[in-house]
Amino acid sequence: MPGKTNNNIFTLRREILGVLPPVRLIAKPFIQGKRWWRILQYQHSGEGKLIQGFKDIHRGERCFVIGNGPSLTPQDLDKLKDEITFGSNRIFCIYPQTQWRPTYYCSFDDRCVSQEIGRIKAGGSYDKFLNYDPGIKYGRSPEDHIYYLVFNGKFHVRPDETRMDYTLSDDIAKYATWVPSVTINAIEIAIYMGFTEIYLLGIDHQYMIQSDHKGKAHGALYRNETVQSSYFAGMNDEKGNVITSSVYDPDVATLGYKVAKRFAERRNVHIYNATRGGKLEVFERVDFDNVIAAK
């Protein structure tokens, strides 16, 4: 009797799901306690103390946060040779075309770090910020100039949420924040370092493959072949695999930028978008060439 069997299955499923909320409520304090204990350990560890050394070292200065959007050009990077800059993820793919190198580098994506750890280490003598997990397992030597950050919680937005109570971390020597884009983490680090003017370049904020709030596995995907989501899409990673476009939810990313803007404004930090074109309208637009010429 198939119908009866299905009913029994559905009944069992409802019973199991009915038990899960209390289980989550019981487990939540344990999970949160474990997380905060880890943060406390990190804060007082040698790694946390290394990060403390970056506090306010650039107070009152300006910097440029470089994205990997298709609007990024080697010619614009050449103009930044004397500026303090942040690069991220596979920015080293453009090194053969320019003499520019970032002052600081960030990569917190597990897949990128695991695929590119060799090129990350070999990129140059600039300081590099990686996610403690999984980065620590790849080891490091002093000449790698690698520093590890611990992340707390996870930035997320449900379809029915328009919340703006999210915020970034005031002290990355305790923990950094899980956010939708490495660009936002670079802003978080820059504010910790004391920068008061942050300019964005190459942040196109438009993606070849987009998802809804539920993500790749459960959400509806939208593909726009007219958009190249990354300057380096189609190139090979360190292992010889073709770099594919990541899946983004533009609404979640936009909310993340709004959080970063509010966080910065409360600390008298100004963020400007110097990207040539693109779709990011959260920050005030400025002309890149005028910004460079005005210094």
C-alpha atoms as a PDB file:
ATOM      1  CA  MET A   1       0.000   0.000   0.000  1.00  0.00           C
ATOM      2  CA  PRO A   2       2.146   2.871  -1.287  1.00  0.00           C
ATOM      3  CA  GLY A   3      -0.150   5.599   0.004  1.00  0.00           C
ATOM      4  CA  LYS A   4       0.024   4.332   3.572  1.00  0.00           C
ATOM      5  CA  THR A   5       3.811   4.014   3.409  1.00  0.00           C
ATOM      6  CA  ASN A   6       4.152   7.591   2.207  1.00  0.00           C
ATOM      7  CA  ASN A   7       1.882   8.819   4.981  1.00  0.00           C
ATOM      8  CA  ASN A   8       4.023   7.004   7.549  1.00  0.00           C
ATOM      9  CA  ILE A   9       7.146   8.605   6.114  1.00  0.00           C
ATOM     10  CA  PHE A  10       5.619  12.071   6.246  1.00  0.00           C
ATOM     11  CA  THR A  11       4.419  11.505   9.806  1.00  0.00           C
ATOM     12  CA  LEU A  12       7.905  10.413  10.884  1.00  0.00           C
ATOM     13  CA  ARG A  13       9.405  13.423   9.137  1.00  0.00           C
ATOM     14  CA  ARG A  14       7.076  15.787  10.988  1.00  0.00           C
ATOM     15  CA  GLU A  15       7.945  14.148  14.294  1.00  0.00           C
ATOM     16  CA  ILE A  16      11.663  14.513  13.629  1.00  0.00           C
ATOM     17  CA  LEU A  17      11.324  18.130  12.576  1.00  0.00           C
ATOM     18  CA  GLY A  18       9.239  18.803  15.668  1.00  0.00           C
ATOM     19  CA  VAL A  19      12.152  17.717  17.846  1.00  0.00           C
ATOM     20  CA  LEU A  20      14.809  19.748  16.033  1.00  0.00           C
ATOM     21  CA  PRO A  21      13.983  23.254  17.327  1.00  0.00           C
ATOM     22  CA  PRO A  22      14.483  22.274  20.994  1.00  0.00           C
ATOM     23  CA  VAL A  23      17.706  20.515  20.044  1.00  0.00           C
ATOM     24  CA  ARG A  24      18.935  23.697  18.360  1.00  0.00           C
ATOM     25  CA  LEU A  25      17.976  25.743  21.406  1.00  0.00           C
ATOM     26  CA  ILE A  26      19.920  23.393  23.666  1.00  0.00           C
ATOM     27  CA  ALA A  27      22.972  23.318  21.378  1.00  0.00           C
ATOM     28  CA  LYS A  28      23.076  27.066  20.661  1.00  0.00           C
ATOM     29  CA  PRO A  29      24.681  28.153  23.988  1.00  0.00           C
ATOM     30  CA  PHE A  30      27.317  25.436  23.618  1.00  0.00           C
ATOM     31  CA  ILE A  31      28.140  26.482  20.045  1.00  0.00           C
ATOM     32  CA  GLN A  32      28.293  30.166  20.950  1.00  0.00           C
ATOM     33  CA  GLY A  33      30.382  29.465  24.039  1.00  0.00           C
ATOM     34  CA  LYS A  34      32.829  27.404  22.010  1.00  0.00           C
ATOM     35  CA  ARG A  35      33.069  30.186  19.426  1.00  0.00           C
ATOM     36  CA  TRP A  36      33.734  32.905  21.968  1.00  0.00           C
ATOM     37  CA  TRP A  37      36.290  30.753  23.783  1.00  0.00           C
ATOM     38  CA  ARG A  38      38.147  30.363  20.501  1.00  0.00           C
ATOM     39  CA  ILE A  39      38.051  34.136  19.974  1.00  0.00           C
ATOM     40  CA  LEU A  40      39.401  34.692  23.487  1.00  0.00           C
ATOM     41  CA  GLN A  41      42.229  32.251  22.823  1.00  0.00           C
ATOM     42  CA  TYR A  42      43.071  33.928  19.508  1.00  0.00           C
ATOM     43  CA  GLN A  43      43.037  37.409  21.036  1.00  0.00           C
ATOM     44  CA  HIS A  44      45.685  36.442  23.583  1.00  0.00           C
ATOM     45  CA  SER A  45      47.707  34.252  21.237  1.00  0.00           C
ATOM     46  CA  GLY A  46      50.836  35.242  19.366  1.00  0.00           C
ATOM     47  CA  GLU A  47      48.760  35.498  16.191  1.00  0.00           C
ATOM     48  CA  GLY A  48      46.308  37.957  17.735  1.00  0.00           C
ATOM     49  CA  LYS A  49      49.166  40.063  19.069  1.00  0.00           C
ATOM     50  CA  LEU A  50      50.707  40.215  15.597  1.00  0.00           C
ATOM     51  CA  ILE A  51      47.430  41.631  14.266  1.00  0.00           C
ATOM     52  CA  GLN A  52      47.392  44.206  17.082  1.00  0.00           C
ATOM     53  CA  GLY A  53      50.556  45.622  15.562  1.00  0.00           C
ATOM     54  CA  PHE A  54      48.517  46.890  12.587  1.00  0.00           C
ATOM     55  CA  LYS A  55      46.195  49.011  14.737  1.00  0.00           C
ATOM     56  CA  ASP A  56      46.145  52.653  13.493  1.00  0.00           C
ATOM     57  CA  ILE A  57      49.472  52.354  11.661  1.00  0.00           C
ATOM     58  CA  HIS A  58      47.973  54.416   8.798  1.00  0.00           C
ATOM     59  CA  ARG A  59      45.942  56.894  10.842  1.00  0.00           C
ATOM     60  CA  GLY A  60      44.627  59.728   8.695  1.00  0.00           C
ATOM     61  CA  GLU A  61      45.945  58.287   5.400  1.00  0.00           C
ATOM     62  CA  ARG A  62      44.129  57.168   2.269  1.00  0.00           C
ATOM     63  CA  CYS A  63      44.168  53.800   0.518  1.00  0.00           C
ATOM     64  CA  PHE A  64      42.747  52.016  -2.504  1.00  0.00           C
ATOM     65  CA  VAL A  65      40.879  48.708  -2.331  1.00  0.00           C
ATOM     66  CA  ILE A  66      41.245  46.900  -5.645  1.00  0.00           C
ATOM     67  CA  GLY A  67      38.594  44.518  -6.963  1.00  0.00           C
ATOM     68  CA  ASN A  68      39.001  41.945  -9.708  1.00  0.00           C
ATOM     69  CA  GLY A  69      36.171  43.176 -11.921  1.00  0.00           C
ATOM     70  CA  PRO A  70      36.585  43.356 -15.703  1.00  0.00           C
ATOM     71  CA  SER A  71      36.917  47.162 -15.566  1.00  0.00           C
ATOM     72  CA  LEU A  72      40.309  46.804 -13.862  1.00  0.00           C
ATOM     73  CA  THR A  73      43.221  47.643 -16.177  1.00  0.00           C
ATOM     74  CA  PRO A  74      47.001  47.352 -15.817  1.00  0.00           C
ATOM     75  CA  GLN A  75      47.261  51.009 -16.830  1.00  0.00           C
ATOM     76  CA  ASP A  76      45.206  52.124 -13.826  1.00  0.00           C
ATOM     77  CA  LEU A  77      47.230  49.902 -11.527  1.00  0.00           C
ATOM     78  CA  ASP A  78      50.448  51.490 -12.796  1.00  0.00           C
ATOM     79  CA  LYS A  79      49.094  54.808 -11.510  1.00  0.00           C
ATOM     80  CA  LEU A  80      48.836  53.350  -8.014  1.00  0.00           C
ATOM     81  CA  LYS A  81      52.487  52.385  -7.573  1.00  0.00           C
ATOM     82  CA  ASP A  82      52.985  55.086  -4.946  1.00  0.00           C
ATOM     83  CA  GLU A  83      49.657  54.536  -3.169  1.00  0.00           C
ATOM     84  CA  ILE A  84      48.752  52.196  -0.315  1.00  0.00           C
ATOM     85  CA  THR A  85      46.578  49.482  -1.830  1.00  0.00           C
ATOM     86  CA  PHE A  86      44.754  46.269  -0.984  1.00  0.00           C
ATOM     87  CA  GLY A  87      44.544  43.411  -3.482  1.00  0.00           C
ATOM     88  CA  SER A  88      42.643  40.147  -3.109  1.00  0.00           C
ATOM     89  CA  ASN A  89      42.182  36.575  -4.281  1.00  0.00           C
ATOM     90  CA  ARG A  90      43.706  36.078  -7.766  1.00  0.00           C
ATOM     91  CA  ILE A  91      44.968  39.620  -8.268  1.00  0.00           C
ATOM     92  CA  PHE A  92      48.426  38.121  -8.932  1.00  0.00           C
ATOM     93  CA  CYS A  93      47.160  36.976 -12.341  1.00  0.00           C
ATOM     94  CA  ILE A  94      47.581  40.547 -13.557  1.00  0.00           C
ATOM     95  CA  TYR A  95      51.138  40.984 -12.227  1.00  0.00           C
ATOM     96  CA  PRO A  96      52.837  40.150 -15.560  1.00  0.00           C
ATOM     97  CA  GLN A  97      51.108  43.181 -17.089  1.00  0.00           C
ATOM     98  CA  THR A  98      52.039  45.789 -14.481  1.00  0.00           C
ATOM     99  CA  GLN A  99      54.827  46.835 -12.130  1.00  0.00           C
ATOM    100  CA  TRP A 100      52.229  47.546  -9.439  1.00  0.00           C
ATOM    101  CA  ARG A 101      52.013  45.310  -6.388  1.00  0.00           C
ATOM    102  CA  PRO A 102      49.575  45.689  -3.484  1.00  0.00           C
ATOM    103  CA  THR A 103      50.702  46.874  -0.089  1.00  0.00           C
ATOM    104  CA  TYR A 104      48.347  44.368   1.511  1.00  0.00           C
ATOM    105  CA  TYR A 105      46.655  41.230   0.213  1.00  0.00           C
ATOM    106  CA  CYS A 106      43.500  39.430   1.434  1.00  0.00           C
ATOM    107  CA  SER A 107      42.000  36.051   0.639  1.00  0.00           C
ATOM    108  CA  PHE A 108      39.427  34.388   2.866  1.00  0.00           C
ATOM    109  CA  ASP A 109      37.782  32.068   0.365  1.00  0.00           C
ATOM    110  CA  ASP A 110      38.640  28.468   1.221  1.00  0.00           C
ATOM    111  CA  ARG A 111      38.652  27.336  -2.390  1.00  0.00           C
ATOM    112  CA  CYS A 112      40.892  30.149  -3.606  1.00  0.00           C
ATOM    113  CA  VAL A 113      43.396  29.643  -0.778  1.00  0.00           C
ATOM    114  CA  SER A 114      43.543  25.872  -1.256  1.00  0.00           C
ATOM    115  CA  GLN A 115      44.021  26.211  -5.024  1.00  0.00           C
ATOM    116  CA  GLU A 116      46.445  29.113  -4.963  1.00  0.00           C
ATOM    117  CA  ILE A 117      48.453  28.913  -1.729  1.00  0.00           C
ATOM    118  CA  GLY A 118      51.712  28.560  -3.673  1.00  0.00           C
ATOM    119  CA  ARG A 119      51.106  31.680  -5.754  1.00  0.00           C
ATOM    120  CA  ILE A 120      49.823  33.549  -2.705  1.00  0.00           C
ATOM    121  CA  LYS A 121      53.061  32.879  -0.844  1.00  0.00           C
ATOM    122  CA  ALA A 122      55.199  33.674  -3.872  1.00  0.00           C
ATOM    123  CA  GLY A 123      53.302  36.863  -4.750  1.00  0.00           C
ATOM    124  CA  GLY A 124      55.735  39.249  -3.103  1.00  0.00           C
ATOM    125  CA  SER A 125      57.003  40.634   0.182  1.00  0.00           C
ATOM    126  CA  TYR A 126      53.770  42.486   0.991  1.00  0.00           C
ATOM    127  CA  ASP A 127      51.668  41.497   4.016  1.00  0.00           C
ATOM    128  CA  LYS A 128      48.995  38.894   3.374  1.00  0.00           C
ATOM    129  CA  PHE A 129      45.848  38.266   5.438  1.00  0.00           C
ATOM    130  CA  LEU A 130      44.296  34.797   5.233  1.00  0.00           C
ATOM    131  CA  ASN A 131      41.537  32.935   7.028  1.00  0.00           C
ATOM    132  CA  TYR A 132      43.009  30.939   9.926  1.00  0.00           C
ATOM    133  CA  ASP A 133      40.895  28.017   8.748  1.00  0.00           C
ATOM    134  CA  PRO A 134      42.042  26.477   6.487  1.00  0.00           C
ATOM    135  CA  GLY A 135      45.138  28.627   5.869  1.00  0.00           C
ATOM    136  CA  ILE A 136      47.100  27.513   8.925  1.00  0.00           C
ATOM    137  CA  LYS A 137      47.351  23.941   7.628  1.00  0.00           C
ATOM    138  CA  TYR A 138      49.492  25.092   4.697  1.00  0.00           C
ATOM    139  CA  GLY A 139      52.198  26.400   7.001  1.00  0.00           C
ATOM    140  CA  ARG A 140      54.251  29.551   6.563  1.00  0.00           C
ATOM    141  CA  SER A 141      57.722  30.963   6.932  1.00  0.00           C
ATOM    142  CA  PRO A 142      58.751  34.532   7.843  1.00  0.00           C
ATOM    143  CA  GLU A 143      59.375  35.431   4.204  1.00  0.00           C
ATOM    144  CA  ASP A 144      55.728  34.597   3.365  1.00  0.00           C
ATOM    145  CA  HIS A 145      54.518  37.643   5.364  1.00  0.00           C
ATOM    146  CA  ILE A 146      51.265  35.836   6.175  1.00  0.00           C
ATOM    147  CA  TYR A 147      48.905  36.779   9.006  1.00  0.00           C
ATOM    148  CA  TYR A 148      45.843  34.784   9.998  1.00  0.00           C
ATOM    149  CA  LEU A 149      42.453  36.183  11.010  1.00  0.00           C
ATOM    150  CA  VAL A 150      39.763  34.323  12.930  1.00  0.00           C
ATOM    151  CA  PHE A 151      36.182  34.881  11.797  1.00  0.00           C
ATOM    152  CA  ASN A 152      33.134  35.093  14.016  1.00  0.00           C
ATOM    153  CA  GLY A 153      29.650  34.093  12.982  1.00  0.00           C
ATOM    154  CA  LYS A 154      28.348  34.317   9.450  1.00  0.00           C
ATOM    155  CA  PHE A 155      26.817  37.228   7.566  1.00  0.00           C
ATOM    156  CA  HIS A 156      23.500  36.089   6.127  1.00  0.00           C
ATOM    157  CA  VAL A 157      20.246  37.562   4.889  1.00  0.00           C
ATOM    158  CA  ARG A 158      16.952  35.722   4.563  1.00  0.00           C
ATOM    159  CA  PRO A 159      14.550  36.593   1.729  1.00  0.00           C
ATOM    160  CA  ASP A 160      12.181  38.465   4.073  1.00  0.00           C
ATOM    161  CA  GLU A 161      14.908  40.426   5.871  1.00  0.00           C
ATOM    162  CA  THR A 162      15.819  44.062   5.341  1.00  0.00           C
ATOM    163  CA  ARG A 163      17.742  44.294   8.589  1.00  0.00           C
ATOM    164  CA  MET A 164      20.497  46.843   9.016  1.00  0.00           C
ATOM    165  CA  ASP A 165      21.642  45.781  12.468  1.00  0.00           C
ATOM    166  CA  TYR A 166      24.594  43.914  11.004  1.00  0.00           C
ATOM    167  CA  THR A 167      27.980  45.467  11.643  1.00  0.00           C
ATOM    168  CA  LEU A 168      31.687  44.865  11.165  1.00  0.00           C
ATOM    169  CA  SER A 169      34.338  44.152  13.762  1.00  0.00           C
ATOM    170  CA  ASP A 170      35.999  47.044  15.564  1.00  0.00           C
ATOM    171  CA  ASP A 171      38.922  44.815  16.509  1.00  0.00           C
ATOM    172  CA  ILE A 172      40.189  42.294  13.968  1.00  0.00           C
ATOM    173  CA  ALA A 173      42.779  41.178  16.559  1.00  0.00           C
ATOM    174  CA  LYS A 174      39.760  39.509  18.217  1.00  0.00           C
ATOM    175  CA  TYR A 175      37.856  38.454  15.121  1.00  0.00           C
ATOM    176  CA  ALA A 176      36.945  39.543  11.596  1.00  0.00           C
ATOM    177  CA  THR A 177      33.410  39.372  10.200  1.00  0.00           C
ATOM    178  CA  TRP A 178      31.963  36.903   7.728  1.00  0.00           C
ATOM    179  CA  VAL A 179      30.670  39.112   4.900  1.00  0.00           C
ATOM    180  CA  PRO A 180      29.542  38.543   1.287  1.00  0.00           C
ATOM    181  CA  SER A 181      32.708  39.962  -0.311  1.00  0.00           C
ATOM    182  CA  VAL A 182      36.433  40.064   0.398  1.00  0.00           C
ATOM    183  CA  THR A 183      36.243  43.752  -0.546  1.00  0.00           C
ATOM    184  CA  ILE A 184      34.226  44.397   2.609  1.00  0.00           C
ATOM    185  CA  ASN A 185      36.809  42.567   4.698  1.00  0.00           C
ATOM    186  CA  ALA A 186      39.523  44.729   3.131  1.00  0.00           C
ATOM    187  CA  ILE A 187      37.510  47.794   4.179  1.00  0.00           C
ATOM    188  CA  GLU A 188      37.214  46.335   7.682  1.00  0.00           C
ATOM    189  CA  ILE A 189      40.995  45.849   7.867  1.00  0.00           C
ATOM    190  CA  ALA A 190      41.671  49.308   6.410  1.00  0.00           C
ATOM    191  CA  ILE A 191      39.504  50.988   9.045  1.00  0.00           C
ATOM    192  CA  TYR A 192      41.322  49.042  11.770  1.00  0.00           C
ATOM    193  CA  MET A 193      44.593  50.370  10.343  1.00  0.00           C
ATOM    194  CA  GLY A 194      43.347  53.942  10.703  1.00  0.00           C
ATOM    195  CA  PHE A 195      42.686  54.952   7.091  1.00  0.00           C
ATOM    196  CA  THR A 196      40.170  57.778   6.827  1.00  0.00           C
ATOM    197  CA  GLU A 197      39.746  57.786   3.035  1.00  0.00           C
ATOM    198  CA  ILE A 198      39.119  54.540   1.161  1.00  0.00           C
ATOM    199  CA  TYR A 199      38.768  54.439  -2.625  1.00  0.00           C
ATOM    200  CA  LEU A 200      37.348  51.418  -4.455  1.00  0.00           C
ATOM    201  CA  LEU A 201      38.616  50.471  -7.911  1.00  0.00           C
ATOM    202  CA  GLY A 202      37.600  47.527 -10.088  1.00  0.00           C
ATOM    203  CA  ILE A 203      34.505  46.771  -7.979  1.00  0.00           C
ATOM    204  CA  ASP A 204      32.080  46.192 -10.855  1.00  0.00           C
ATOM    205  CA  HIS A 205      29.394  44.600  -8.671  1.00  0.00           C
ATOM    206  CA  GLN A 206      27.843  42.694 -11.547  1.00  0.00           C
ATOM    207  CA  TYR A 207      28.189  38.983 -11.992  1.00  0.00           C
ATOM    208  CA  MET A 208      27.897  36.441 -14.775  1.00  0.00           C
ATOM    209  CA  ILE A 209      26.112  33.984 -12.483  1.00  0.00           C
ATOM    210  CA  GLN A 210      23.730  35.240  -9.829  1.00  0.00           C
ATOM    211  CA  SER A 211      21.619  33.453  -7.228  1.00  0.00           C
ATOM    212  CA  ASP A 212      18.765  34.400  -4.963  1.00  0.00           C
ATOM    213  CA  HIS A 213      18.999  34.563  -1.162  1.00  0.00           C
ATOM    214  CA  LYS A 214      18.877  30.766  -0.847  1.00  0.00           C
ATOM    215  CA  GLY A 215      22.178  30.325  -2.648  1.00  0.00           C
ATOM    216  CA  LYS A 216      23.435  28.087  -5.430  1.00  0.00           C
ATOM    217  CA  ALA A 217      22.084  24.800  -4.192  1.00  0.00           C
ATOM    218  CA  HIS A 218      18.488  25.840  -3.560  1.00  0.00           C
ATOM    219  CA  GLY A 219      17.999  29.153  -5.319  1.00  0.00           C
ATOM    220  CA  ALA A 220      17.185  30.204  -8.851  1.00  0.00           C
ATOM    221  CA  LEU A 221      20.314  30.950 -10.872  1.00  0.00           C
ATOM    222  CA  TYR A 222      20.535  33.705 -13.457  1.00  0.00           C
ATOM    223  CA  ARG A 223      23.278  33.663 -16.071  1.00  0.00           C
ATOM    224  CA  ASN A 224      24.233  36.713 -18.094  1.00  0.00           C
ATOM    225  CA  GLU A 225      26.818  35.859 -20.729  1.00  0.00           C
ATOM    226  CA  THR A 226      27.393  39.550 -21.506  1.00  0.00           C
ATOM    227  CA  VAL A 227      28.992  40.049 -18.090  1.00  0.00           C
ATOM    228  CA  GLN A 228      32.471  38.853 -17.234  1.00  0.00           C
ATOM    229  CA  SER A 229      32.240  38.453 -13.470  1.00  0.00           C
ATOM    230  CA  SER A 230      35.979  38.415 -12.819  1.00  0.00           C
ATOM    231  CA  TYR A 231      38.952  39.897 -14.568  1.00  0.00           C
ATOM    232  CA  PHE A 232      40.592  36.493 -14.285  1.00  0.00           C
ATOM    233  CA  ALA A 233      37.717  34.169 -15.238  1.00  0.00           C
ATOM    234  CA  GLY A 234      38.880  31.593 -17.751  1.00  0.00           C
ATOM    235  CA  MET A 235      42.522  31.647 -16.648  1.00  0.00           C
ATOM    236  CA  ASN A 236      44.156  28.677 -14.956  1.00  0.00           C
ATOM    237  CA  ASP A 237      44.709  28.355 -11.231  1.00  0.00           C
ATOM    238  CA  GLU A 238      47.929  27.087  -9.708  1.00  0.00           C
ATOM    239  CA  LYS A 239      46.864  23.487 -10.279  1.00  0.00           C
ATOM    240  CA  GLY A 240      46.047  24.068 -13.942  1.00  0.00           C
ATOM    241  CA  ASN A 241      42.268  24.123 -13.502  1.00  0.00           C
ATOM    242  CA  VAL A 242      40.242  26.756 -15.332  1.00  0.00           C
ATOM    243  CA  ILE A 243      39.063  29.510 -12.990  1.00  0.00           C
ATOM    244  CA  THR A 244      35.275  29.626 -13.067  1.00  0.00           C
ATOM    245  CA  SER A 245      32.940  32.447 -12.150  1.00  0.00           C
ATOM    246  CA  SER A 246      31.669  32.465  -8.585  1.00  0.00           C
ATOM    247  CA  VAL A 247      27.962  32.598  -7.793  1.00  0.00           C
ATOM    248  CA  TYR A 248      26.801  35.752  -6.023  1.00  0.00           C
ATOM    249  CA  ASP A 249      23.572  37.128  -4.652  1.00  0.00           C
ATOM    250  CA  PRO A 250      23.830  40.815  -5.628  1.00  0.00           C
ATOM    251  CA  ASP A 251      21.194  41.851  -3.067  1.00  0.00           C
ATOM    252  CA  VAL A 252      23.158  40.317  -0.192  1.00  0.00           C
ATOM    253  CA  ALA A 253      26.384  41.871  -1.482  1.00  0.00           C
ATOM    254  CA  THR A 254      24.676  45.268  -1.740  1.00  0.00           C
ATOM    255  CA  LEU A 255      23.476  44.977   1.847  1.00  0.00           C
ATOM    256  CA  GLY A 256      27.040  44.118   2.868  1.00  0.00           C
ATOM    257  CA  TYR A 257      28.335  47.303   1.251  1.00  0.00           C
ATOM    258  CA  LYS A 258      25.629  49.326   3.010  1.00  0.00           C
ATOM    259  CA  VAL A 259      26.726  47.831   6.324  1.00  0.00           C
ATOM    260  CA  ALA A 260      30.340  48.763   5.551  1.00  0.00           C
ATOM    261  CA  LYS A 261      29.326  52.314   4.622  1.00  0.00           C
ATOM    262  CA  ARG A 262      27.391  52.832   7.850  1.00  0.00           C
ATOM    263  CA  PHE A 263      30.203  51.289   9.899  1.00  0.00           C
ATOM    264  CA  ALA A 264      32.720  53.635   8.250  1.00  0.00           C
ATOM    265  CA  GLU A 265      30.597  56.777   8.587  1.00  0.00           C
ATOM    266  CA  ARG A 266      30.201  56.225  12.322  1.00  0.00           C
ATOM    267  CA  ARG A 267      33.998  56.329  12.543  1.00  0.00           C
ATOM    268  CA  ASN A 268      34.429  59.370  10.285  1.00  0.00           C
ATOM    269  CA  VAL A 269      35.845  57.241   7.488  1.00  0.00           C
ATOM    270  CA  HIS A 270      34.840  58.133   3.931  1.00  0.00           C
ATOM    271  CA  ILE A 271      34.511  55.460   1.233  1.00  0.00           C
ATOM    272  CA  TYR A 272      34.399  56.481  -2.431  1.00  0.00           C
ATOM    273  CA  ASN A 273      33.809  54.424  -5.559  1.00  0.00           C
ATOM    274  CA  ALA A 274      36.431  55.214  -8.207  1.00  0.00           C
ATOM    275  CA  THR A 275      35.514  52.188 -10.364  1.00  0.00           C
ATOM    276  CA  ARG A 276      35.127  52.911 -14.064  1.00  0.00           C
ATOM    277  CA  GLY A 277      31.497  51.969 -14.617  1.00  0.00           C
ATOM    278  CA  GLY A 278      30.020  48.951 -12.878  1.00  0.00           C
ATOM    279  CA  LYS A 279      26.823  48.689 -10.848  1.00  0.00           C
ATOM    280  CA  LEU A 280      27.898  49.642  -7.320  1.00  0.00           C
ATOM    281  CA  GLU A 281      25.997  52.784  -6.311  1.00  0.00           C
ATOM    282  CA  VAL A 282      26.172  52.479  -2.512  1.00  0.00           C
ATOM    283  CA  PHE A 283      29.161  54.832  -2.251  1.00  0.00           C
ATOM    284  CA  GLU A 284      29.721  58.294  -3.670  1.00  0.00           C
ATOM    285  CA  ARG A 285      31.192  58.149  -7.161  1.00  0.00           C
ATOM    286  CA  VAL A 286      34.483  59.903  -7.905  1.00  0.00           C
ATOM    287  CA  ASP A 287      36.645  60.088 -11.014  1.00  0.00           C
ATOM    288  CA  PHE A 288      39.731  57.923 -10.614  1.00  0.00           C
ATOM    289  CA  ASP A 289      41.974  60.142 -12.746  1.00  0.00           C
ATOM    290  CA  ASN A 290      40.984  63.251 -10.788  1.00  0.00           C
ATOM    291  CA  VAL A 291      41.684  61.497  -7.476  1.00  0.00           C
ATOM    292  CA  ILE A 292      45.183  60.529  -8.648  1.00  0.00           C
ATOM    293  CA  ALA A 293      45.912  63.965 -10.108  1.00  0.00           C
ATOM    294  CA  ALA A 294      44.720  65.777  -6.993  1.00  0.00           C
ATOM    295  CA  LYS A 295      47.302  64.259  -4.654  1.00  0.00           C
END
